[in-house]
């Protein structure tokens, strides 16, 4: 199986897990040395507006390393 297809399936599963948890939104996290396309995608999104990962147009030599993280702004102590 192609590496991008595998990554896409893993990230889609991660997004569904976040969506079905306590998160109110999803955040795309990027690495410090990410490419411009990944840097532009960094931030919080409504679930239905989050870009699919790995990002198309990523130019990093190691490929897209972005990942989803939950936004829990309505929960906490």
N, C-alpha and C. Protein backbone atom coordinates (compact mmCIF):
# COMPACT_ATOMS: atom_id res chain seq x y z
N UNK A 1 0.85 -1.19 0.00
CA UNK A 1 0.00 0.00 0.00
C UNK A 1 0.89 1.24 0.00
N UNK A 2 0.52 2.22 -0.76
CA UNK A 2 1.25 3.48 -0.86
C UNK A 2 1.32 4.17 0.50
N UNK A 3 2.47 4.77 0.80
CA UNK A 3 2.66 5.43 2.11
C UNK A 3 1.66 6.55 2.34
N UNK A 4 1.37 7.36 1.30
CA UNK A 4 0.40 8.44 1.47
C UNK A 4 -1.01 7.91 1.74
N UNK A 5 -1.36 6.81 1.10
CA UNK A 5 -2.68 6.20 1.33
C UNK A 5 -2.78 5.71 2.77
N UNK A 6 -1.71 5.10 3.25
CA UNK A 6 -1.69 4.62 4.64
C UNK A 6 -1.78 5.79 5.61
N UNK A 7 -0.98 6.85 5.38
CA UNK A 7 -1.03 8.03 6.24
C UNK A 7 -2.41 8.66 6.23
N UNK A 8 -3.00 8.76 5.04
CA UNK A 8 -4.33 9.37 4.91
C UNK A 8 -5.36 8.58 5.72
N UNK A 9 -5.30 7.24 5.65
CA UNK A 9 -6.23 6.40 6.40
C UNK A 9 -6.02 6.56 7.90
N UNK A 10 -4.76 6.62 8.34
CA UNK A 10 -4.46 6.80 9.76
C UNK A 10 -4.97 8.15 10.26
N UNK A 11 -4.74 9.21 9.49
CA UNK A 11 -5.17 10.55 9.90
C UNK A 11 -6.70 10.66 9.89
N UNK A 12 -7.35 10.01 8.93
CA UNK A 12 -8.81 10.04 8.88
C UNK A 12 -9.39 9.36 10.13
N UNK A 13 -8.77 8.26 10.54
CA UNK A 13 -9.20 7.56 11.75
C UNK A 13 -8.97 8.44 12.98
N UNK A 14 -7.83 9.12 13.03
CA UNK A 14 -7.55 10.02 14.16
C UNK A 14 -8.56 11.16 14.23
N UNK A 15 -8.91 11.73 13.07
CA UNK A 15 -9.89 12.81 13.04
C UNK A 15 -11.25 12.33 13.54
N UNK A 16 -11.67 11.14 13.14
CA UNK A 16 -12.95 10.60 13.60
C UNK A 16 -12.94 10.38 15.12
N UNK A 17 -11.82 9.91 15.65
CA UNK A 17 -11.71 9.69 17.09
C UNK A 17 -11.84 11.03 17.84
N UNK A 18 -11.20 12.07 17.34
CA UNK A 18 -11.28 13.39 17.96
C UNK A 18 -12.71 13.91 17.86
N UNK A 19 -13.31 13.76 16.69
CA UNK A 19 -14.68 14.26 16.45
C UNK A 19 -15.69 13.59 17.39
N UNK A 20 -15.48 12.32 17.69
CA UNK A 20 -16.41 11.57 18.54
C UNK A 20 -16.08 11.69 20.03
N UNK A 21 -15.08 12.47 20.38
CA UNK A 21 -14.71 12.68 21.77
C UNK A 21 -15.28 13.99 22.30
N UNK A 22 -14.55 14.65 23.16
CA UNK A 22 -15.02 15.88 23.80
C UNK A 22 -14.59 17.15 23.07
N UNK A 23 -13.88 17.01 21.97
CA UNK A 23 -13.36 18.18 21.26
C UNK A 23 -14.48 18.99 20.63
N UNK A 24 -14.27 20.30 20.60
CA UNK A 24 -15.22 21.21 19.95
C UNK A 24 -14.79 21.54 18.53
N UNK A 25 -13.49 21.41 18.26
CA UNK A 25 -12.90 21.64 16.95
C UNK A 25 -11.67 20.75 16.84
N UNK A 26 -11.01 20.83 15.70
CA UNK A 26 -9.77 20.09 15.51
C UNK A 26 -8.68 21.08 15.10
N UNK A 27 -7.47 20.85 15.58
CA UNK A 27 -6.34 21.72 15.26
C UNK A 27 -5.35 20.92 14.43
N UNK A 28 -4.80 21.56 13.40
CA UNK A 28 -3.71 20.95 12.64
C UNK A 28 -2.41 21.45 13.24
N UNK A 29 -1.62 20.50 13.70
CA UNK A 29 -0.32 20.78 14.31
C UNK A 29 0.76 20.53 13.26
N UNK A 30 1.77 21.39 13.24
CA UNK A 30 2.86 21.26 12.27
C UNK A 30 4.20 21.20 13.00
N UNK A 31 5.20 20.70 12.30
CA UNK A 31 6.55 20.66 12.85
C UNK A 31 7.23 22.01 12.68
N UNK A 32 8.23 22.25 13.48
CA UNK A 32 8.96 23.52 13.44
C UNK A 32 9.57 23.78 12.06
N UNK A 33 10.02 22.74 11.39
CA UNK A 33 10.68 22.89 10.10
C UNK A 33 9.76 22.53 8.92
N UNK A 34 8.47 22.77 9.08
CA UNK A 34 7.51 22.40 8.04
C UNK A 34 7.64 23.29 6.81
N UNK A 35 7.02 22.85 5.72
CA UNK A 35 7.03 23.60 4.47
C UNK A 35 5.98 24.72 4.52
N UNK A 36 5.99 25.64 3.55
CA UNK A 36 5.01 26.73 3.53
C UNK A 36 3.56 26.26 3.45
N UNK A 37 3.29 25.18 2.73
CA UNK A 37 1.91 24.68 2.62
C UNK A 37 1.40 24.21 3.97
N UNK A 38 2.24 23.52 4.70
CA UNK A 38 1.84 23.04 6.02
C UNK A 38 1.69 24.21 7.00
N UNK A 39 2.61 25.17 6.93
CA UNK A 39 2.53 26.35 7.81
C UNK A 39 1.22 27.10 7.57
N UNK A 40 0.80 27.18 6.31
CA UNK A 40 -0.44 27.89 5.98
C UNK A 40 -1.67 27.15 6.51
N UNK A 41 -1.58 25.84 6.66
CA UNK A 41 -2.73 25.05 7.12
C UNK A 41 -2.81 24.96 8.64
N UNK A 42 -1.76 25.38 9.33
CA UNK A 42 -1.72 25.31 10.79
C UNK A 42 -2.87 26.10 11.40
N UNK A 43 -3.52 25.52 12.41
CA UNK A 43 -4.58 26.23 13.10
C UNK A 43 -5.78 25.36 13.41
N UNK A 44 -6.82 25.98 13.97
CA UNK A 44 -8.04 25.27 14.38
C UNK A 44 -9.10 25.38 13.30
N UNK A 45 -9.88 24.30 13.17
CA UNK A 45 -10.92 24.20 12.14
C UNK A 45 -12.16 23.57 12.72
N UNK A 46 -13.30 23.91 12.13
CA UNK A 46 -14.52 23.14 12.36
C UNK A 46 -14.25 21.77 11.74
N UNK A 47 -14.88 20.73 12.27
CA UNK A 47 -14.60 19.39 11.79
C UNK A 47 -14.80 19.25 10.28
N UNK A 48 -15.86 19.82 9.76
CA UNK A 48 -16.16 19.64 8.34
C UNK A 48 -15.33 20.55 7.43
N UNK A 49 -14.50 21.41 7.99
CA UNK A 49 -13.67 22.30 7.19
C UNK A 49 -12.18 21.99 7.29
N UNK A 50 -11.82 20.99 8.07
CA UNK A 50 -10.40 20.64 8.25
C UNK A 50 -9.85 20.02 6.98
N UNK A 51 -8.70 20.48 6.52
CA UNK A 51 -8.08 19.86 5.35
C UNK A 51 -7.71 18.41 5.63
N UNK A 52 -7.74 17.61 4.60
CA UNK A 52 -7.37 16.21 4.72
C UNK A 52 -5.85 16.10 4.84
N UNK A 53 -5.40 15.23 5.74
CA UNK A 53 -3.97 14.98 5.92
C UNK A 53 -3.63 13.61 5.37
N UNK A 54 -2.43 13.44 4.82
CA UNK A 54 -1.38 14.42 4.62
C UNK A 54 -1.79 15.47 3.60
N UNK A 55 -1.27 16.68 3.79
CA UNK A 55 -1.65 17.81 2.95
C UNK A 55 -1.10 17.67 1.54
N UNK A 56 -1.97 17.91 0.57
CA UNK A 56 -1.51 17.98 -0.82
C UNK A 56 -0.70 19.25 -0.96
N UNK A 57 0.36 19.18 -1.70
CA UNK A 57 1.20 20.35 -1.91
C UNK A 57 2.34 20.47 -0.92
N UNK A 58 2.43 19.54 0.03
CA UNK A 58 3.54 19.56 0.98
C UNK A 58 4.84 19.33 0.22
N UNK A 59 5.83 20.17 0.50
CA UNK A 59 7.11 20.07 -0.21
C UNK A 59 8.26 19.65 0.70
N UNK A 60 7.97 19.22 1.92
CA UNK A 60 9.04 18.80 2.83
C UNK A 60 9.65 17.50 2.32
N UNK A 61 10.97 17.37 2.37
CA UNK A 61 11.63 16.15 1.88
C UNK A 61 11.14 14.85 2.53
N UNK A 62 10.70 14.92 3.78
CA UNK A 62 10.19 13.74 4.48
C UNK A 62 8.69 13.56 4.30
N UNK A 63 8.04 14.43 3.52
CA UNK A 63 6.60 14.36 3.34
C UNK A 63 5.87 15.08 4.46
N UNK A 64 4.57 15.11 4.36
CA UNK A 64 3.74 15.82 5.33
C UNK A 64 3.78 15.10 6.68
N UNK A 65 4.12 15.85 7.72
CA UNK A 65 4.19 15.31 9.07
C UNK A 65 3.17 15.99 9.98
N UNK A 66 2.21 16.71 9.39
CA UNK A 66 1.16 17.35 10.18
C UNK A 66 0.30 16.27 10.85
N UNK A 67 -0.37 16.68 11.93
CA UNK A 67 -1.30 15.75 12.57
C UNK A 67 -2.42 16.55 13.21
N UNK A 68 -3.53 15.85 13.45
CA UNK A 68 -4.69 16.46 14.09
C UNK A 68 -4.55 16.40 15.60
N UNK A 69 -5.06 17.42 16.28
CA UNK A 69 -5.13 17.45 17.75
C UNK A 69 -6.47 18.05 18.14
N UNK A 70 -7.05 17.60 19.25
CA UNK A 70 -8.35 18.12 19.66
C UNK A 70 -8.24 19.53 20.23
N UNK A 71 -9.31 20.31 20.03
CA UNK A 71 -9.44 21.62 20.67
C UNK A 71 -10.51 21.42 21.75
N UNK A 72 -10.12 21.64 22.99
CA UNK A 72 -11.01 21.39 24.13
C UNK A 72 -11.34 22.70 24.84
N UNK A 73 -11.72 23.71 24.09
CA UNK A 73 -11.91 25.04 24.68
C UNK A 73 -13.13 25.18 25.59
N UNK A 74 -14.03 24.22 25.61
CA UNK A 74 -15.20 24.32 26.47
C UNK A 74 -15.09 23.44 27.70
N UNK A 75 -13.96 22.77 27.86
CA UNK A 75 -13.81 21.83 28.96
C UNK A 75 -12.58 22.20 29.78
N UNK A 76 -12.56 21.76 31.00
CA UNK A 76 -11.41 22.02 31.85
C UNK A 76 -11.82 22.35 33.25
N UNK A 77 -10.83 22.58 34.10
CA UNK A 77 -11.12 22.86 35.51
C UNK A 77 -11.76 24.22 35.72
